[in-house]
Amino acid sequence: MPSTYNTSDFRKGLKVQIDGTPYLMVEMNFRKPGKGTALYECKLKNLIRNTVVDRTYRAGQTLEAADVVEFTAQFLYKQMDAYVFMNNIDYEQYELTEEQVGDYAKFMKEGLDCQLITFNNLPIAVTPPNHVVLKVEYAEPGAKGNTATNVQKPVKLETGGEILAPAFINAGDWIRVDTRTSEYIERTSAPE
């Protein structure tokens, strides 16, 4: 991996470092005005704070490469407000705070394989799979005769998280949930 990237290397998905902070290039547009040098308009996502900034670079400028590594890690358990993960290859353990896990906490079930991101060997973020299968711990009983598919109610998942699900979902059901949107996908059978 190069230690710096020239503007000609800029592309979506590049991980760069600005002022000691890792960023992911989420968008890059090349613009050549009538006069002057070419411009590279970039949207950069701060991998620690999850904020997005817009930056414009002139042709020939460079950005430092970020020492960011992404790998599969298994969620082991939650201890106080720390979430403990284990690298599936070298069995190294990493702790993330509740703030670093964010909204994904409601989908963290022991044994779940996630993508863990480290910067300078320190964990900074985690991404669960796009879809997870979880058991419904609690759901209000559906009203008799209310079989309309668009009627939704809050349900509590085995992880403690809450989402909206159709009225026909009951406690004890297994459901597939989209972790990116926190939306119910379908009722399913128990995982193997």
Protein backbone atom coordinates (compact mmCIF):
# COMPACT_ATOMS: atom_id res chain seq x y z
CA MET A 1 0.00 0.00 0.00
CA PRO A 2 1.49 3.37 -0.93
CA SER A 3 2.16 5.84 1.88
CA THR A 4 0.60 8.71 -0.12
CA TYR A 5 -2.00 8.98 -2.87
CA ASN A 6 -1.70 11.47 -5.73
CA THR A 7 -4.89 13.05 -7.10
CA SER A 8 -4.66 10.67 -10.09
CA ASP A 9 -5.11 7.77 -7.58
CA PHE A 10 -8.29 9.29 -6.05
CA ARG A 11 -11.33 6.99 -6.28
CA LYS A 12 -14.35 5.92 -4.28
CA GLY A 13 -13.39 3.57 -1.44
CA LEU A 14 -9.89 5.00 -0.86
CA LYS A 15 -8.87 5.26 2.80
CA VAL A 16 -6.82 8.39 3.48
CA GLN A 17 -5.53 10.26 6.52
CA ILE A 18 -6.02 14.00 7.07
CA ASP A 19 -4.48 15.63 10.16
CA GLY A 20 -4.02 12.19 11.76
CA THR A 21 -7.67 11.16 11.25
CA PRO A 22 -8.77 8.33 8.91
CA TYR A 23 -11.29 9.14 6.17
CA LEU A 24 -13.05 7.04 3.55
CA MET A 25 -13.49 8.64 0.12
CA VAL A 26 -17.22 8.08 -0.52
CA GLU A 27 -17.43 10.19 -3.68
CA MET A 28 -14.93 11.72 -6.10
CA ASN A 29 -15.74 13.98 -9.06
CA PHE A 30 -13.16 15.19 -11.54
CA ARG A 31 -13.76 18.67 -12.95
CA LYS A 32 -11.68 20.46 -15.59
CA PRO A 33 -12.56 24.16 -15.73
CA GLY A 34 -11.90 26.05 -18.97
CA LYS A 35 -8.76 27.61 -17.55
CA GLY A 36 -6.41 26.45 -14.81
CA THR A 37 -5.69 23.06 -13.33
CA ALA A 38 -8.08 20.15 -12.95
CA LEU A 39 -10.05 19.88 -9.69
CA TYR A 40 -10.89 16.77 -7.69
CA GLU A 41 -14.04 17.29 -5.62
CA CYS A 42 -14.22 14.69 -2.86
CA LYS A 43 -16.73 13.69 -0.20
CA LEU A 44 -14.80 12.19 2.71
CA LYS A 45 -16.36 10.27 5.60
CA ASN A 46 -14.58 10.57 8.94
CA LEU A 47 -14.21 6.94 10.07
CA ILE A 48 -14.09 7.89 13.75
CA ARG A 49 -16.93 10.45 14.00
CA ASN A 50 -19.01 9.24 10.99
CA THR A 51 -19.30 12.81 9.68
CA VAL A 52 -18.89 13.71 6.00
CA VAL A 53 -16.81 16.63 4.74
CA ASP A 54 -16.39 18.09 1.25
CA ARG A 55 -12.85 18.85 0.10
CA THR A 56 -11.49 20.03 -3.26
CA TYR A 57 -7.95 19.23 -4.38
CA ARG A 58 -5.96 20.53 -7.35
CA ALA A 59 -4.21 18.16 -9.73
CA GLY A 60 -0.87 17.04 -8.31
CA GLN A 61 -1.77 17.32 -4.62
CA THR A 62 -1.34 14.28 -2.38
CA LEU A 63 -3.07 12.75 0.64
CA GLU A 64 -1.51 10.42 3.17
CA ALA A 65 -2.69 6.78 3.13
CA ALA A 66 -4.51 5.71 6.30
CA ASP A 67 -3.35 2.62 8.17
CA VAL A 68 -6.90 1.26 8.20
CA VAL A 69 -7.52 -2.48 8.26
CA GLU A 70 -10.89 -4.17 7.90
CA PHE A 71 -11.41 -7.82 8.89
CA THR A 72 -14.08 -10.25 10.06
CA ALA A 73 -14.53 -10.45 13.82
CA GLN A 74 -17.07 -12.27 15.95
CA PHE A 75 -19.09 -10.44 18.57
CA LEU A 76 -18.38 -12.26 21.85
CA TYR A 77 -20.23 -10.37 24.59
CA LYS A 78 -21.10 -7.01 26.11
CA GLN A 79 -19.38 -6.05 29.35
CA MET A 80 -20.63 -2.83 31.02
CA ASP A 81 -20.64 -0.42 28.03
CA ALA A 82 -17.90 -2.22 26.09
CA TYR A 83 -18.58 -4.58 23.21
CA VAL A 84 -15.95 -7.32 22.87
CA PHE A 85 -15.06 -8.74 19.44
CA MET A 86 -12.56 -11.40 18.40
CA ASN A 87 -10.59 -11.51 15.14
CA ASN A 88 -11.60 -14.77 13.42
CA ILE A 89 -8.04 -15.39 12.15
CA ASP A 90 -5.61 -14.59 14.99
CA TYR A 91 -8.15 -14.64 17.90
CA GLU A 92 -7.02 -11.17 19.04
CA GLN A 93 -9.76 -9.42 21.06
CA TYR A 94 -10.91 -5.84 20.55
CA GLU A 95 -13.24 -3.65 22.62
CA LEU A 96 -15.49 -0.97 21.18
CA THR A 97 -17.50 1.53 23.20
CA GLU A 98 -21.27 1.82 22.99
CA GLU A 99 -20.75 5.08 21.06
CA GLN A 100 -18.51 3.34 18.47
CA VAL A 101 -21.07 0.53 17.95
CA GLY A 102 -23.89 3.09 17.71
CA ASP A 103 -27.31 2.02 16.41
CA TYR A 104 -25.91 -1.38 15.46
CA ALA A 105 -26.01 -2.33 19.17
CA LYS A 106 -29.63 -3.44 18.81
CA PHE A 107 -28.52 -6.17 16.38
CA MET A 108 -25.44 -7.44 18.28
CA LYS A 109 -26.08 -11.05 19.17
CA GLU A 110 -23.34 -13.27 20.63
CA GLY A 111 -21.56 -15.18 17.86
CA LEU A 112 -22.45 -12.66 15.12
CA ASP A 113 -19.72 -12.18 12.49
CA CYS A 114 -19.14 -8.48 11.75
CA GLN A 115 -16.63 -6.35 9.84
CA LEU A 116 -14.32 -4.59 12.29
CA ILE A 117 -12.25 -1.57 11.24
CA THR A 118 -9.00 -0.71 13.01
CA PHE A 119 -6.83 2.39 12.61
CA ASN A 120 -3.22 2.06 13.78
CA ASN A 121 -4.35 -1.28 15.31
CA LEU A 122 -7.04 0.42 17.47
CA PRO A 123 -10.69 -0.51 16.80
CA ILE A 124 -12.74 2.43 15.49
CA ALA A 125 -15.90 0.99 13.93
CA VAL A 126 -17.93 -2.15 13.35
CA THR A 127 -20.45 -3.10 10.67
CA PRO A 128 -22.80 -6.08 11.16
CA PRO A 129 -24.02 -8.15 8.19
CA ASN A 130 -26.72 -6.40 6.10
CA HIS A 131 -29.34 -8.90 7.33
CA VAL A 132 -29.65 -10.64 10.69
CA VAL A 133 -32.17 -13.19 12.02
CA LEU A 134 -33.37 -12.40 15.53
CA LYS A 135 -36.05 -13.74 17.88
CA VAL A 136 -38.92 -11.48 18.92
CA GLU A 137 -38.93 -11.30 22.74
CA TYR A 138 -42.03 -9.15 23.13
CA ALA A 139 -44.83 -7.98 20.85
CA GLU A 140 -48.24 -6.55 21.65
CA PRO A 141 -50.91 -9.00 20.49
CA GLY A 142 -52.35 -8.02 17.10
CA ALA A 143 -55.96 -6.83 17.02
CA LYS A 144 -58.44 -9.54 15.94
CA GLY A 145 -59.27 -9.32 12.26
CA ASN A 146 -56.50 -6.77 11.64
CA THR A 147 -54.72 -8.55 8.81
CA ALA A 148 -53.74 -5.51 6.75
CA THR A 149 -50.10 -5.95 5.78
CA ASN A 150 -49.17 -2.29 6.23
CA VAL A 151 -50.18 -2.06 9.90
CA GLN A 152 -47.02 -1.99 12.03
CA LYS A 153 -46.29 -2.25 15.74
CA PRO A 154 -43.11 -2.01 17.82
CA VAL A 155 -41.51 -5.35 18.76
CA LYS A 156 -38.65 -6.00 21.17
CA LEU A 157 -35.84 -8.24 19.88
CA GLU A 158 -33.75 -10.76 21.83
CA THR A 159 -30.87 -8.25 21.76
CA GLY A 160 -32.98 -5.62 23.55
CA GLY A 161 -33.40 -3.49 20.41
CA GLU A 162 -36.80 -2.40 19.11
CA ILE A 163 -38.03 -2.16 15.53
CA LEU A 164 -41.38 -1.87 13.76
CA ALA A 165 -42.83 -5.11 12.40
CA PRO A 166 -46.17 -6.11 10.83
CA ALA A 167 -49.13 -6.64 13.18
CA PHE A 168 -49.09 -10.44 12.64
CA ILE A 169 -45.65 -10.86 14.28
CA ASN A 170 -45.81 -12.41 17.78
CA ALA A 171 -43.40 -13.04 20.64
CA GLY A 172 -41.33 -16.13 19.85
CA ASP A 173 -41.28 -15.51 16.07
CA TRP A 174 -37.96 -15.29 14.23
CA ILE A 175 -37.61 -12.36 11.87
CA ARG A 176 -35.03 -11.15 9.36
CA VAL A 177 -34.04 -7.49 9.84
CA ASP A 178 -32.06 -5.11 7.61
CA THR A 179 -29.32 -3.65 9.86
CA ARG A 180 -28.76 -0.67 7.52
CA THR A 181 -32.34 0.62 7.82
CA SER A 182 -33.60 -1.18 10.99
CA GLU A 183 -36.51 -2.47 8.88
CA TYR A 184 -38.36 -5.76 9.13
CA ILE A 185 -37.82 -7.93 6.02
CA GLU A 186 -39.67 -11.21 6.66
CA ARG A 187 -40.72 -13.83 9.17
CA THR A 188 -38.38 -16.80 8.99
CA SER A 189 -37.44 -20.02 10.77
CA ALA A 190 -34.94 -20.28 13.63
CA PRO A 191 -31.30 -20.13 12.51
CA GLU A 192 -29.39 -23.42 12.37
